[in-house]
C-alpha atoms as a PDB file:
ATOM      1  CA  MET A   1     128.146 180.384  71.371  1.00  0.00           C
ATOM      2  CA  THR A   2     126.609 183.843  71.717  1.00  0.00           C
ATOM      3  CA  ASP A   3     125.706 185.872  74.778  1.00  0.00           C
ATOM      4  CA  SER A   4     122.305 187.469  75.110  1.00  0.00           C
ATOM      5  CA  GLY A   5     123.466 190.995  75.901  1.00  0.00           C
ATOM      6  CA  GLY A   6     122.664 190.721  79.600  1.00  0.00           C
ATOM      7  CA  PHE A   7     126.231 191.158  80.762  1.00  0.00           C
ATOM      8  CA  GLN A   8     126.706 194.124  78.434  1.00  0.00           C
ATOM      9  CA  VAL A   9     123.702 195.710  80.125  1.00  0.00           C
ATOM     10  CA  PHE A  10     125.457 195.130  83.454  1.00  0.00           C
ATOM     11  CA  SER A  11     128.672 196.687  82.105  1.00  0.00           C
ATOM     12  CA  PHE A  12     126.899 199.888  81.056  1.00  0.00           C
ATOM     13  CA  GLY A  13     124.593 199.917  84.055  1.00  0.00           C
ATOM     14  CA  ALA A  14     125.367 198.553  87.522  1.00  0.00           C
ATOM     15  CA  ALA A  15     129.079 198.125  86.815  1.00  0.00           C
ATOM     16  CA  ARG A  16     129.355 201.857  86.011  1.00  0.00           C
ATOM     17  CA  GLU A  17     127.313 202.883  89.037  1.00  0.00           C
ATOM     18  CA  HIS A  18     129.198 200.670  91.508  1.00  0.00           C
ATOM     19  CA  ASN A  19     132.639 200.594  89.858  1.00  0.00           C
ATOM     20  CA  VAL A  20     132.804 196.796  89.858  1.00  0.00           C
ATOM     21  CA  GLY A  21     133.645 194.156  87.293  1.00  0.00           C
ATOM     22  CA  LYS A  22     132.861 190.503  86.711  1.00  0.00           C
ATOM     23  CA  VAL A  23     134.792 189.480  89.822  1.00  0.00           C
ATOM     24  CA  LEU A  24     134.731 191.768  92.847  1.00  0.00           C
ATOM     25  CA  GLU A  25     138.350 191.754  94.067  1.00  0.00           C
ATOM     26  CA  ARG A  26     137.574 193.851  97.144  1.00  0.00           C
ATOM     27  CA  PRO A  27     134.607 195.869  98.438  1.00  0.00           C
ATOM     28  CA  ARG A  28     134.280 199.166  96.610  1.00  0.00           C
ATOM     29  CA  ARG A  29     132.200 202.226  97.264  1.00  0.00           C
ATOM     30  CA  ALA A  30     129.797 203.412  94.627  1.00  0.00           C
ATOM     31  CA  VAL A  31     131.264 206.236  92.581  1.00  0.00           C
ATOM     32  CA  GLY A  32     127.978 207.649  91.367  1.00  0.00           C
ATOM     33  CA  GLU A  33     128.650 207.406  87.615  1.00  0.00           C
ATOM     34  CA  LYS A  34     125.371 207.514  85.761  1.00  0.00           C
ATOM     35  CA  SER A  35     124.030 204.307  84.269  1.00  0.00           C
ATOM     36  CA  ALA A  36     123.792 204.308  80.485  1.00  0.00           C
ATOM     37  CA  VAL A  37     120.807 201.937  80.464  1.00  0.00           C
ATOM     38  CA  THR A  38     117.260 201.863  81.796  1.00  0.00           C
ATOM     39  CA  ILE A  39     115.861 198.463  82.798  1.00  0.00           C
ATOM     40  CA  THR A  40     112.097 197.861  82.754  1.00  0.00           C
ATOM     41  CA  GLU A  41     109.880 194.812  82.471  1.00  0.00           C
ATOM     42  CA  GLU A  42     109.765 195.299  78.701  1.00  0.00           C
ATOM     43  CA  GLY A  43     113.544 195.221  78.322  1.00  0.00           C
ATOM     44  CA  VAL A  44     116.548 197.529  78.391  1.00  0.00           C
ATOM     45  CA  SER A  45     116.636 200.935  76.710  1.00  0.00           C
ATOM     46  CA  PHE A  46     119.802 202.820  75.800  1.00  0.00           C
ATOM     47  CA  THR A  47     121.121 205.435  73.415  1.00  0.00           C
ATOM     48  CA  ASP A  48     123.271 204.154  70.543  1.00  0.00           C
ATOM     49  CA  PRO A  49     126.347 206.024  69.203  1.00  0.00           C
ATOM     50  CA  THR A  50     124.180 207.879  66.667  1.00  0.00           C
ATOM     51  CA  GLY A  51     122.046 209.326  69.452  1.00  0.00           C
ATOM     52  CA  THR A  52     119.058 207.090  68.679  1.00  0.00           C
ATOM     53  CA  ARG A  53     117.173 205.584  71.600  1.00  0.00           C
ATOM     54  CA  ARG A  54     116.997 201.780  71.335  1.00  0.00           C
ATOM     55  CA  MET A  55     115.263 198.972  73.209  1.00  0.00           C
ATOM     56  CA  LEU A  56     116.732 195.494  73.669  1.00  0.00           C
ATOM     57  CA  THR A  57     114.063 192.975  74.633  1.00  0.00           C
ATOM     58  CA  PRO A  58     114.216 189.224  75.274  1.00  0.00           C
ATOM     59  CA  GLU A  59     112.540 188.676  71.909  1.00  0.00           C
ATOM     60  CA  LEU A  60     115.042 190.849  70.040  1.00  0.00           C
ATOM     61  CA  SER A  61     117.921 189.106  71.794  1.00  0.00           C
ATOM     62  CA  MET A  62     116.631 185.781  70.461  1.00  0.00           C
ATOM     63  CA  GLN A  63     116.226 187.204  66.961  1.00  0.00           C
ATOM     64  CA  ILE A  64     119.778 188.546  66.929  1.00  0.00           C
ATOM     65  CA  GLN A  65     121.217 185.259  68.136  1.00  0.00           C
ATOM     66  CA  GLU A  66     119.189 183.423  65.529  1.00  0.00           C
ATOM     67  CA  ALA A  67     120.656 185.652  62.807  1.00  0.00           C
ATOM     68  CA  ILE A  68     124.192 185.001  64.049  1.00  0.00           C
ATOM     69  CA  GLY A  69     123.494 181.272  63.850  1.00  0.00           C
ATOM     70  CA  ALA A  70     125.242 180.179  67.046  1.00  0.00           C
ATOM     71  CA  ASP A  71     124.907 176.599  68.260  1.00  0.00           C
ATOM     72  CA  MET A  72     124.546 177.671  71.903  1.00  0.00           C
ATOM     73  CA  ILE A  73     122.516 180.765  72.764  1.00  0.00           C
ATOM     74  CA  PHE A  74     121.635 182.346  76.090  1.00  0.00           C
ATOM     75  CA  ALA A  75     118.401 183.791  77.396  1.00  0.00           C
ATOM     76  CA  PHE A  76     118.322 187.515  78.116  1.00  0.00           C
ATOM     77  CA  ASP A  77     119.010 188.101  81.812  1.00  0.00           C
ATOM     78  CA  GLU A  78     119.551 190.887  84.316  1.00  0.00           C
ATOM     79  CA  CYS A  79     122.934 190.622  86.007  1.00  0.00           C
ATOM     80  CA  THR A  80     123.204 192.444  89.335  1.00  0.00           C
ATOM     81  CA  SER A  81     126.157 193.998  91.128  1.00  0.00           C
ATOM     82  CA  PRO A  82     127.566 192.327  94.250  1.00  0.00           C
ATOM     83  CA  LEU A  83     126.824 195.640  95.952  1.00  0.00           C
ATOM     84  CA  HIS A  84     123.091 195.473  95.244  1.00  0.00           C
ATOM     85  CA  ASN A  85     120.900 194.742  98.244  1.00  0.00           C
ATOM     86  CA  ARG A  86     118.670 191.702  98.632  1.00  0.00           C
ATOM     87  CA  ALA A  87     115.456 193.400  97.504  1.00  0.00           C
ATOM     88  CA  HIS A  88     117.008 194.670  94.275  1.00  0.00           C
ATOM     89  CA  THR A  89     118.705 191.328  93.583  1.00  0.00           C
ATOM     90  CA  ARG A  90     115.508 189.383  94.193  1.00  0.00           C
ATOM     91  CA  ALA A  91     113.490 191.618  91.849  1.00  0.00           C
ATOM     92  CA  ALA A  92     116.145 191.295  89.137  1.00  0.00           C
ATOM     93  CA  MET A  93     116.226 187.511  89.564  1.00  0.00           C
ATOM     94  CA  HIS A  94     112.477 187.175  89.091  1.00  0.00           C
ATOM     95  CA  ARG A  95     112.628 189.479  86.067  1.00  0.00           C
ATOM     96  CA  THR A  96     115.332 187.201  84.638  1.00  0.00           C
ATOM     97  CA  HIS A  97     112.963 184.239  85.067  1.00  0.00           C
ATOM     98  CA  ARG A  98     110.115 186.069  83.334  1.00  0.00           C
ATOM     99  CA  TRP A  99     112.444 187.091  80.512  1.00  0.00           C
ATOM    100  CA  LEU A 100     113.508 183.436  80.174  1.00  0.00           C
ATOM    101  CA  ASP A 101     109.871 182.457  79.602  1.00  0.00           C
ATOM    102  CA  ARG A 102     109.617 185.088  76.851  1.00  0.00           C
ATOM    103  CA  CYS A 103     112.876 183.876  75.276  1.00  0.00           C
ATOM    104  CA  LEU A 104     111.575 180.306  75.183  1.00  0.00           C
ATOM    105  CA  ILE A 105     108.297 181.425  73.598  1.00  0.00           C
ATOM    106  CA  GLU A 106     110.170 183.435  70.962  1.00  0.00           C
ATOM    107  CA  LYS A 107     112.514 180.541  70.195  1.00  0.00           C
ATOM    108  CA  ASP A 108     109.611 178.112  69.809  1.00  0.00           C
ATOM    109  CA  ALA A 109     107.944 180.528  67.389  1.00  0.00           C
ATOM    110  CA  ARG A 110     111.004 180.609  65.105  1.00  0.00           C
ATOM    111  CA  PRO A 111     111.524 177.288  63.256  1.00  0.00           C
ATOM    112  CA  LEU A 112     115.084 178.154  62.230  1.00  0.00           C
ATOM    113  CA  MET A 113     116.067 178.240  65.897  1.00  0.00           C
ATOM    114  CA  GLU A 114     115.155 174.598  66.445  1.00  0.00           C
ATOM    115  CA  ARG A 115     118.759 173.427  66.123  1.00  0.00           C
ATOM    116  CA  GLN A 116     120.048 176.088  68.533  1.00  0.00           C
ATOM    117  CA  MET A 117     120.516 175.037  72.157  1.00  0.00           C
ATOM    118  CA  ILE A 118     119.152 177.622  74.579  1.00  0.00           C
ATOM    119  CA  TYR A 119     120.625 178.087  78.047  1.00  0.00           C
ATOM    120  CA  GLY A 120     118.740 179.742  80.886  1.00  0.00           C
ATOM    121  CA  ILE A 121     120.817 181.752  83.346  1.00  0.00           C
ATOM    122  CA  VAL A 122     120.839 181.305  87.111  1.00  0.00           C
ATOM    123  CA  GLN A 123     121.043 184.613  88.969  1.00  0.00           C
ATOM    124  CA  GLY A 124     120.565 185.624  92.599  1.00  0.00           C
ATOM    125  CA  GLY A 125     123.683 187.593  93.368  1.00  0.00           C
ATOM    126  CA  ARG A 126     125.472 186.916  96.636  1.00  0.00           C
ATOM    127  CA  PHE A 127     122.436 185.384  98.338  1.00  0.00           C
ATOM    128  CA  ASP A 128     122.558 181.578  98.556  1.00  0.00           C
ATOM    129  CA  ASP A 129     118.818 181.131  99.051  1.00  0.00           C
ATOM    130  CA  LEU A 130     118.075 183.209  95.947  1.00  0.00           C
ATOM    131  CA  ARG A 131     120.679 181.296  93.958  1.00  0.00           C
ATOM    132  CA  LYS A 132     119.140 177.972  94.973  1.00  0.00           C
ATOM    133  CA  GLN A 133     115.657 179.211  94.110  1.00  0.00           C
ATOM    134  CA  SER A 134     116.848 180.436  90.702  1.00  0.00           C
ATOM    135  CA  ALA A 135     118.637 177.132  90.038  1.00  0.00           C
ATOM    136  CA  ARG A 136     115.463 175.173  90.706  1.00  0.00           C
ATOM    137  CA  ILE A 137     113.278 177.463  88.583  1.00  0.00           C
ATOM    138  CA  VAL A 138     115.635 177.647  85.589  1.00  0.00           C
ATOM    139  CA  GLY A 139     116.414 173.925  85.775  1.00  0.00           C
ATOM    140  CA  ALA A 140     112.702 173.089  85.615  1.00  0.00           C
ATOM    141  CA  THR A 141     112.130 174.984  82.359  1.00  0.00           C
ATOM    142  CA  ALA A 142     112.529 173.631  78.836  1.00  0.00           C
ATOM    143  CA  VAL A 143     116.111 174.872  78.479  1.00  0.00           C
ATOM    144  CA  ASP A 144     118.830 172.729  76.929  1.00  0.00           C
ATOM    145  CA  GLY A 145     121.497 173.842  79.392  1.00  0.00           C
ATOM    146  CA  ILE A 146     122.131 175.986  82.442  1.00  0.00           C
ATOM    147  CA  GLY A 147     124.201 179.159  82.510  1.00  0.00           C
ATOM    148  CA  ILE A 148     125.537 180.400  85.840  1.00  0.00           C
ATOM    149  CA  GLY A 149     125.838 184.167  85.757  1.00  0.00           C
ATOM    150  CA  GLY A 150     126.520 187.072  88.018  1.00  0.00           C
ATOM    151  CA  SER A 151     129.329 189.107  89.494  1.00  0.00           C
ATOM    152  CA  PHE A 152     130.991 187.924  92.676  1.00  0.00           C
ATOM    153  CA  GLY A 153     134.318 187.455  94.475  1.00  0.00           C
ATOM    154  CA  LYS A 154     136.561 184.424  94.043  1.00  0.00           C
ATOM    155  CA  GLU A 155     135.555 182.783  97.328  1.00  0.00           C
ATOM    156  CA  GLU A 156     131.903 183.562  96.628  1.00  0.00           C
ATOM    157  CA  MET A 157     132.169 181.814  93.264  1.00  0.00           C
ATOM    158  CA  ARG A 158     133.199 178.602  94.994  1.00  0.00           C
ATOM    159  CA  ALA A 159     130.478 178.957  97.621  1.00  0.00           C
ATOM    160  CA  THR A 160     127.859 179.754  94.977  1.00  0.00           C
ATOM    161  CA  LEU A 161     128.705 176.659  92.951  1.00  0.00           C
ATOM    162  CA  ASP A 162     128.600 174.461  96.061  1.00  0.00           C
ATOM    163  CA  ALA A 163     125.185 175.892  96.921  1.00  0.00           C
ATOM    164  CA  ILE A 164     123.453 175.585  93.553  1.00  0.00           C
ATOM    165  CA  MET A 165     124.908 172.455  91.935  1.00  0.00           C
ATOM    166  CA  PRO A 166     122.697 170.041  93.915  1.00  0.00           C
ATOM    167  CA  HIS A 167     119.643 171.924  92.596  1.00  0.00           C
ATOM    168  CA  LEU A 168     120.521 171.664  88.893  1.00  0.00           C
ATOM    169  CA  PRO A 169     119.325 168.754  86.729  1.00  0.00           C
ATOM    170  CA  GLU A 170     122.078 166.203  86.121  1.00  0.00           C
ATOM    171  CA  GLU A 171     121.159 165.688  82.474  1.00  0.00           C
ATOM    172  CA  LYS A 172     121.652 169.328  81.446  1.00  0.00           C
ATOM    173  CA  PRO A 173     125.124 170.820  80.829  1.00  0.00           C
ATOM    174  CA  ARG A 174     126.299 173.619  83.130  1.00  0.00           C
ATOM    175  CA  HIS A 175     128.116 176.656  81.743  1.00  0.00           C
ATOM    176  CA  LEU A 176     129.920 179.203  83.923  1.00  0.00           C
ATOM    177  CA  LEU A 177     129.776 182.602  82.275  1.00  0.00           C
ATOM    178  CA  GLY A 178     132.852 184.821  82.086  1.00  0.00           C
ATOM    179  CA  ILE A 179     135.323 182.655  84.024  1.00  0.00           C
ATOM    180  CA  GLY A 180     138.767 181.933  82.583  1.00  0.00           C
ATOM    181  CA  ARG A 181     141.509 182.086  85.206  1.00  0.00           C
ATOM    182  CA  ILE A 182     143.178 178.720  85.628  1.00  0.00           C
ATOM    183  CA  GLU A 183     142.532 178.333  89.358  1.00  0.00           C
ATOM    184  CA  ASP A 184     138.876 179.241  88.826  1.00  0.00           C
ATOM    185  CA  ILE A 185     138.538 176.733  85.981  1.00  0.00           C
ATOM    186  CA  PHE A 186     139.930 173.944  88.171  1.00  0.00           C
ATOM    187  CA  ASP A 187     137.579 174.884  91.031  1.00  0.00           C
ATOM    188  CA  ALA A 188     134.584 175.047  88.716  1.00  0.00           C
ATOM    189  CA  VAL A 189     135.323 171.686  87.089  1.00  0.00           C
ATOM    190  CA  ALA A 190     135.710 170.125  90.524  1.00  0.00           C
ATOM    191  CA  ALA A 191     132.280 171.553  91.415  1.00  0.00           C
ATOM    192  CA  GLY A 192     130.640 170.033  88.325  1.00  0.00           C
ATOM    193  CA  VAL A 193     130.789 172.778  85.672  1.00  0.00           C
ATOM    194  CA  ASP A 194     131.095 171.536  82.084  1.00  0.00           C
ATOM    195  CA  THR A 195     131.977 174.574  79.958  1.00  0.00           C
ATOM    196  CA  PHE A 196     133.201 178.173  80.284  1.00  0.00           C
ATOM    197  CA  ASP A 197     133.716 181.325  78.285  1.00  0.00           C
ATOM    198  CA  CYS A 198     136.154 184.151  78.875  1.00  0.00           C
ATOM    199  CA  VAL A 199     138.094 186.847  77.024  1.00  0.00           C
ATOM    200  CA  ILE A 200     141.405 186.008  78.740  1.00  0.00           C
ATOM    201  CA  PRO A 201     142.996 183.942  75.918  1.00  0.00           C
ATOM    202  CA  THR A 202     142.192 186.483  73.197  1.00  0.00           C
ATOM    203  CA  ARG A 203     142.370 189.792  75.060  1.00  0.00           C
ATOM    204  CA  GLU A 204     145.672 188.965  76.740  1.00  0.00           C
ATOM    205  CA  ALA A 205     147.131 187.670  73.475  1.00  0.00           C
ATOM    206  CA  ARG A 206     146.488 191.023  71.811  1.00  0.00           C
ATOM    207  CA  HIS A 207     148.630 192.656  74.484  1.00  0.00           C
ATOM    208  CA  GLY A 208     151.462 190.137  74.246  1.00  0.00           C
ATOM    209  CA  ARG A 209     150.599 188.023  77.295  1.00  0.00           C
ATOM    210  CA  ILE A 210     151.437 184.436  76.356  1.00  0.00           C
ATOM    211  CA  TRP A 211     150.333 181.494  78.480  1.00  0.00           C
ATOM    212  CA  THR A 212     152.652 178.618  79.395  1.00  0.00           C
ATOM    213  CA  ALA A 213     152.409 175.711  81.836  1.00  0.00           C
ATOM    214  CA  THR A 214     154.406 177.729  84.390  1.00  0.00           C
ATOM    215  CA  GLY A 215     152.335 180.867  83.973  1.00  0.00           C
ATOM    216  CA  PRO A 216     152.019 183.779  81.548  1.00  0.00           C
ATOM    217  CA  ILE A 217     154.932 185.733  80.099  1.00  0.00           C
ATOM    218  CA  ASP A 218     155.046 189.217  78.577  1.00  0.00           C
ATOM    219  CA  ILE A 219     156.377 188.395  75.131  1.00  0.00           C
ATOM    220  CA  ARG A 220     156.898 192.094  74.388  1.00  0.00           C
ATOM    221  CA  SER A 221     159.637 192.255  77.021  1.00  0.00           C
ATOM    222  CA  ALA A 222     163.155 192.853  75.689  1.00  0.00           C
ATOM    223  CA  ARG A 223     164.355 189.721  77.501  1.00  0.00           C
ATOM    224  CA  TRP A 224     162.688 187.605  74.804  1.00  0.00           C
ATOM    225  CA  ARG A 225     164.264 189.350  71.810  1.00  0.00           C
ATOM    226  CA  LYS A 226     166.711 186.499  71.276  1.00  0.00           C
ATOM    227  CA  GLY A 227     164.451 183.747  72.570  1.00  0.00           C
ATOM    228  CA  ALA A 228     164.867 180.659  70.367  1.00  0.00           C
ATOM    229  CA  ALA A 229     162.400 178.440  72.238  1.00  0.00           C
ATOM    230  CA  ARG A 230     158.779 177.847  71.342  1.00  0.00           C
ATOM    231  CA  LEU A 231     156.193 180.028  73.013  1.00  0.00           C
ATOM    232  CA  SER A 232     155.600 177.209  75.476  1.00  0.00           C
ATOM    233  CA  PRO A 233     157.709 174.026  75.878  1.00  0.00           C
ATOM    234  CA  SER A 234     156.375 171.051  73.891  1.00  0.00           C
ATOM    235  CA  CYS A 235     153.646 173.256  72.402  1.00  0.00           C
ATOM    236  CA  SER A 236     152.164 172.015  69.135  1.00  0.00           C
ATOM    237  CA  CYS A 237     149.777 174.885  68.432  1.00  0.00           C
ATOM    238  CA  PRO A 238     149.636 176.222  64.839  1.00  0.00           C
ATOM    239  CA  ALA A 239     151.966 179.102  65.731  1.00  0.00           C
ATOM    240  CA  CYS A 240     154.644 176.972  67.383  1.00  0.00           C
ATOM    241  CA  SER A 241     154.321 174.227  64.766  1.00  0.00           C
ATOM    242  CA  SER A 242     155.024 176.783  62.037  1.00  0.00           C
ATOM    243  CA  GLY A 243     158.341 177.708  63.684  1.00  0.00           C
ATOM    244  CA  VAL A 244     157.346 180.843  65.578  1.00  0.00           C
ATOM    245  CA  THR A 245     159.679 181.389  68.541  1.00  0.00           C
ATOM    246  CA  ARG A 246     159.562 183.750  71.498  1.00  0.00           C
ATOM    247  CA  GLY A 247     162.115 185.957  69.781  1.00  0.00           C
ATOM    248  CA  THR A 248     160.111 186.066  66.558  1.00  0.00           C
ATOM    249  CA  LEU A 249     156.875 187.033  68.240  1.00  0.00           C
ATOM    250  CA  CYS A 250     158.646 189.548  70.470  1.00  0.00           C
ATOM    251  CA  ALA A 251     160.095 191.272  67.422  1.00  0.00           C
ATOM    252  CA  LEU A 252     156.793 191.287  65.553  1.00  0.00           C
ATOM    253  CA  LEU A 253     154.814 192.728  68.456  1.00  0.00           C
ATOM    254  CA  ARG A 254     157.438 195.381  69.179  1.00  0.00           C
ATOM    255  CA  LEU A 255     157.322 196.774  65.657  1.00  0.00           C
ATOM    256  CA  ASP A 256     156.118 200.330  65.319  1.00  0.00           C
ATOM    257  CA  THR A 257     152.354 200.709  64.996  1.00  0.00           C
ATOM    258  CA  HIS A 258     152.921 202.100  61.488  1.00  0.00           C
ATOM    259  CA  PHE A 259     152.891 198.448  60.397  1.00  0.00           C
ATOM    260  CA  PRO A 260     149.339 197.387  61.335  1.00  0.00           C
ATOM    261  CA  GLU A 261     149.361 194.334  59.039  1.00  0.00           C
ATOM    262  CA  ILE A 262     152.404 192.872  60.800  1.00  0.00           C
ATOM    263  CA  GLU A 263     151.033 193.737  64.244  1.00  0.00           C
ATOM    264  CA  SER A 264     147.718 192.098  63.349  1.00  0.00           C
ATOM    265  CA  GLN A 265     149.484 188.941  62.176  1.00  0.00           C
ATOM    266  CA  ALA A 266     151.501 188.796  65.399  1.00  0.00           C
ATOM    267  CA  GLN A 267     148.330 189.155  67.467  1.00  0.00           C
ATOM    268  CA  ARG A 268     146.723 186.319  65.502  1.00  0.00           C
ATOM    269  CA  LEU A 269     149.698 184.059  66.216  1.00  0.00           C
ATOM    270  CA  ALA A 270     149.534 184.927  69.925  1.00  0.00           C
ATOM    271  CA  THR A 271     145.787 184.303  69.970  1.00  0.00           C
ATOM    272  CA  MET A 272     146.118 180.900  68.296  1.00  0.00           C
ATOM    273  CA  HIS A 273     148.705 179.905  70.870  1.00  0.00           C
ATOM    274  CA  ASN A 274     146.647 181.007  73.879  1.00  0.00           C
ATOM    275  CA  MET A 275     143.491 179.352  72.553  1.00  0.00           C
ATOM    276  CA  TRP A 276     145.408 176.109  72.016  1.00  0.00           C
ATOM    277  CA  PHE A 277     146.896 176.347  75.505  1.00  0.00           C
ATOM    278  CA  PHE A 278     143.511 176.599  77.231  1.00  0.00           C
ATOM    279  CA  GLN A 279     141.929 173.952  75.000  1.00  0.00           C
ATOM    280  CA  LYS A 280     144.811 171.590  75.834  1.00  0.00           C
ATOM    281  CA  LEU A 281     144.453 172.331  79.544  1.00  0.00           C
ATOM    282  CA  VAL A 282     140.762 171.411  79.501  1.00  0.00           C
ATOM    283  CA  ALA A 283     141.480 168.292  77.426  1.00  0.00           C
ATOM    284  CA  ASP A 284     144.031 167.213  80.050  1.00  0.00           C
ATOM    285  CA  MET A 285     141.399 167.806  82.737  1.00  0.00           C
ATOM    286  CA  ARG A 286     138.981 165.501  80.903  1.00  0.00           C
ATOM    287  CA  THR A 287     141.655 162.811  80.677  1.00  0.00           C
ATOM    288  CA  ALA A 288     142.381 163.116  84.400  1.00  0.00           C
ATOM    289  CA  ILE A 289     138.657 162.860  85.210  1.00  0.00           C
ATOM    290  CA  ARG A 290     138.354 159.656  83.160  1.00  0.00           C
ATOM    291  CA  LYS A 291     141.372 158.189  84.971  1.00  0.00           C
ATOM    292  CA  GLY A 292     140.071 159.253  88.378  1.00  0.00           C
ATOM    293  CA  THR A 293     143.155 161.416  88.991  1.00  0.00           C
ATOM    294  CA  PHE A 294     141.669 164.906  88.660  1.00  0.00           C
ATOM    295  CA  THR A 295     142.473 166.014  92.229  1.00  0.00           C
ATOM    296  CA  GLN A 296     146.105 164.963  91.898  1.00  0.00           C
ATOM    297  CA  PHE A 297     146.366 166.639  88.496  1.00  0.00           C
ATOM    298  CA  GLN A 298     144.902 169.851  89.923  1.00  0.00           C
ATOM    299  CA  LYS A 299     147.380 169.935  92.808  1.00  0.00           C
ATOM    300  CA  ARG A 300     150.397 169.268  90.575  1.00  0.00           C
ATOM    301  CA  TYR A 301     149.369 171.785  87.936  1.00  0.00           C
ATOM    302  CA  LEU A 302     148.599 174.619  90.338  1.00  0.00           C
ATOM    303  CA  ALA A 303     151.782 173.976  92.324  1.00  0.00           C
ATOM    304  CA  ARG A 304     153.841 174.256  89.124  1.00  0.00           C
ATOM    305  CA  LEU A 305     151.944 177.389  88.162  1.00  0.00           C
ATOM    306  CA  ARG A 306     152.641 179.054  91.512  1.00  0.00           C
ATOM    307  CA  GLN A 307     156.325 178.135  91.357  1.00  0.00           C
ATOM    308  CA  GLY A 308     156.596 179.706  87.919  1.00  0.00           C
ATOM    309  CA  GLN A 309     155.040 182.918  89.174  1.00  0.00           C
END
């Protein structure tokens, strides 16, 4: 799966101006930092590290994703800040729809992209009526799946999913962009989301944050130096199966940075474990759904997670 670049535009644009991230934890005042991008109907222009002015268009986004060869690709979109007003959000949403049409035309013109599944992205910010309108428009196009994008608070994520799910076609998979916290995954699955993407398993692994069924642990902490247990009880990930213990990984990650090869290997082991953990969690969710016990599984799992924290 590859992203289109739309969220990166948000990161260097509205996110800088409004000092917000993917999830707005609390209302924040704009800090006035200058945006590093300029958004027009043609696309997004920016200056690269060499000082050269570049333009990323919907067509170029498709060409790049074709070259990467991903199975799932996303249409180029304009992600707005939760602090943007209705007029700005509405204009960005309609631009996203027009860019989707251009992405579909470009994909159809490139025979090698035939095997790649394209997802259109629902936008509309914090406004339910715009979200519903975007869901209907994107769902009616010739996309293979639906991406749900944007930046919003935790409660707004739940409300947004409740609002738009009835307006999405049942036969097309739904992907929630940039969501990876366990409570959010459970809520999204309960709402009808099929797949997710997030940096949490890999980014946190690089910094020694290891996920277990009772919550994450900081494996760099001195308390784990003599830890003889697996990274997570009953874990059968490649790292744990090879005999890596909490004490082993703690020692490897605490080595001086003058040993980059060892540090890199330790980060790979941590990443394999976290990836396995989240894959196993989602597999257990699928099993619970098939058995008709998803709600009970959700309550038990989250209760255990909160107790561990």
